[in-house]
Amino acid sequence: MKSTVRSLHPALQAMLPRIAQHMAHEWRPIFDEKEEAENFLKKIQNDDLSFELNPVWAINHIDLTSSRIVGWSVTQEIN
């Protein structure tokens, strides 16, 4: 069943599937505990590549102050 709700930003809405598809192909491990992510980071870190830890948030869109970190992601810094 097709939705009758129209997006306020149709051009942006049209981009979302392409962005999601690209993100699904990225290598991005996610860990429950920060210590686990830090240990993984130590194993893969080298002089040629730079990696960072990034929090994975569960965002409460009604009350942003109650948002919380639910995991940790390791991402490669690209210059």
Protein backbone atom coordinates (compact mmCIF):
# COMPACT_ATOMS: atom_id res chain seq x y z
CA MET A 1 0.00 0.00 0.00
CA LYS A 2 1.49 3.31 -1.06
CA SER A 3 1.67 6.10 1.51
CA THR A 4 -0.27 9.30 0.90
CA VAL A 5 2.02 11.31 3.19
CA ARG A 6 4.27 13.66 1.23
CA SER A 7 7.78 14.50 2.38
CA LEU A 8 8.55 18.14 3.07
CA HIS A 9 11.98 17.50 1.54
CA PRO A 10 11.50 15.09 -1.39
CA ALA A 11 15.05 15.54 -2.76
CA LEU A 12 16.54 14.61 0.60
CA GLN A 13 14.10 11.73 1.01
CA ALA A 14 15.16 10.38 -2.40
CA MET A 15 18.82 10.33 -1.30
CA LEU A 16 18.27 8.23 1.84
CA PRO A 17 18.11 4.78 0.18
CA ARG A 18 21.42 5.42 -1.62
CA ILE A 19 23.08 6.59 1.59
CA ALA A 20 21.78 3.58 3.52
CA GLN A 21 22.99 1.20 0.81
CA HIS A 22 26.48 2.74 0.89
CA MET A 23 26.64 2.53 4.68
CA ALA A 24 25.68 -1.16 4.60
CA HIS A 25 28.83 -1.91 2.59
CA GLU A 26 31.20 -0.09 4.94
CA TRP A 27 33.41 -2.01 7.32
CA ARG A 28 32.35 -0.72 10.70
CA PRO A 29 32.53 -3.09 13.68
CA ILE A 30 30.36 -2.18 16.65
CA PHE A 31 31.08 -3.24 20.23
CA ASP A 32 28.87 -3.18 23.32
CA GLU A 33 31.66 -2.14 25.68
CA LYS A 34 34.19 0.67 25.19
CA GLU A 35 37.02 -1.47 26.61
CA GLU A 36 36.32 -4.17 24.01
CA ALA A 37 36.45 -1.55 21.23
CA GLU A 38 39.70 -0.09 22.61
CA ASN A 39 41.33 -3.55 22.67
CA PHE A 40 40.27 -4.14 19.06
CA LEU A 41 41.61 -0.71 18.11
CA LYS A 42 45.03 -1.54 19.62
CA LYS A 43 45.22 -4.70 17.49
CA ILE A 44 44.45 -3.00 14.16
CA GLN A 45 46.19 0.36 14.67
CA ASN A 46 49.28 0.93 12.52
CA ASP A 47 51.32 3.85 11.18
CA ASP A 48 49.67 3.86 7.75
CA LEU A 49 46.04 3.96 8.86
CA SER A 50 44.35 5.99 11.55
CA PHE A 51 41.31 4.63 13.39
CA GLU A 52 39.06 6.26 15.97
CA LEU A 53 36.39 5.23 18.46
CA ASN A 54 32.95 6.72 17.98
CA PRO A 55 29.92 6.34 20.24
CA VAL A 56 26.77 4.71 18.87
CA TRP A 57 23.82 6.64 20.26
CA ALA A 58 20.24 5.68 21.00
CA ILE A 59 18.68 9.08 20.46
CA ASN A 60 15.47 10.01 22.22
CA HIS A 61 14.00 12.57 19.82
CA ILE A 62 11.46 13.77 22.37
CA ASP A 63 13.97 14.37 25.18
CA LEU A 64 17.52 14.62 23.83
CA THR A 65 18.97 14.77 27.34
CA SER A 66 17.84 11.19 27.92
CA SER A 67 19.72 9.92 24.85
CA ARG A 68 22.41 7.38 25.70
CA ILE A 69 25.42 5.58 24.27
CA VAL A 70 24.55 1.97 23.43
CA GLY A 71 27.81 0.87 21.82
CA TRP A 72 31.12 1.86 20.29
CA SER A 73 32.16 1.86 16.65
CA VAL A 74 35.65 1.79 15.15
CA THR A 75 35.97 3.96 12.06
CA GLN A 76 38.87 4.73 9.78
CA GLU A 77 39.90 8.34 9.44
CA ILE A 78 40.20 9.33 5.79
CA ASN A 79 42.28 12.37 4.90
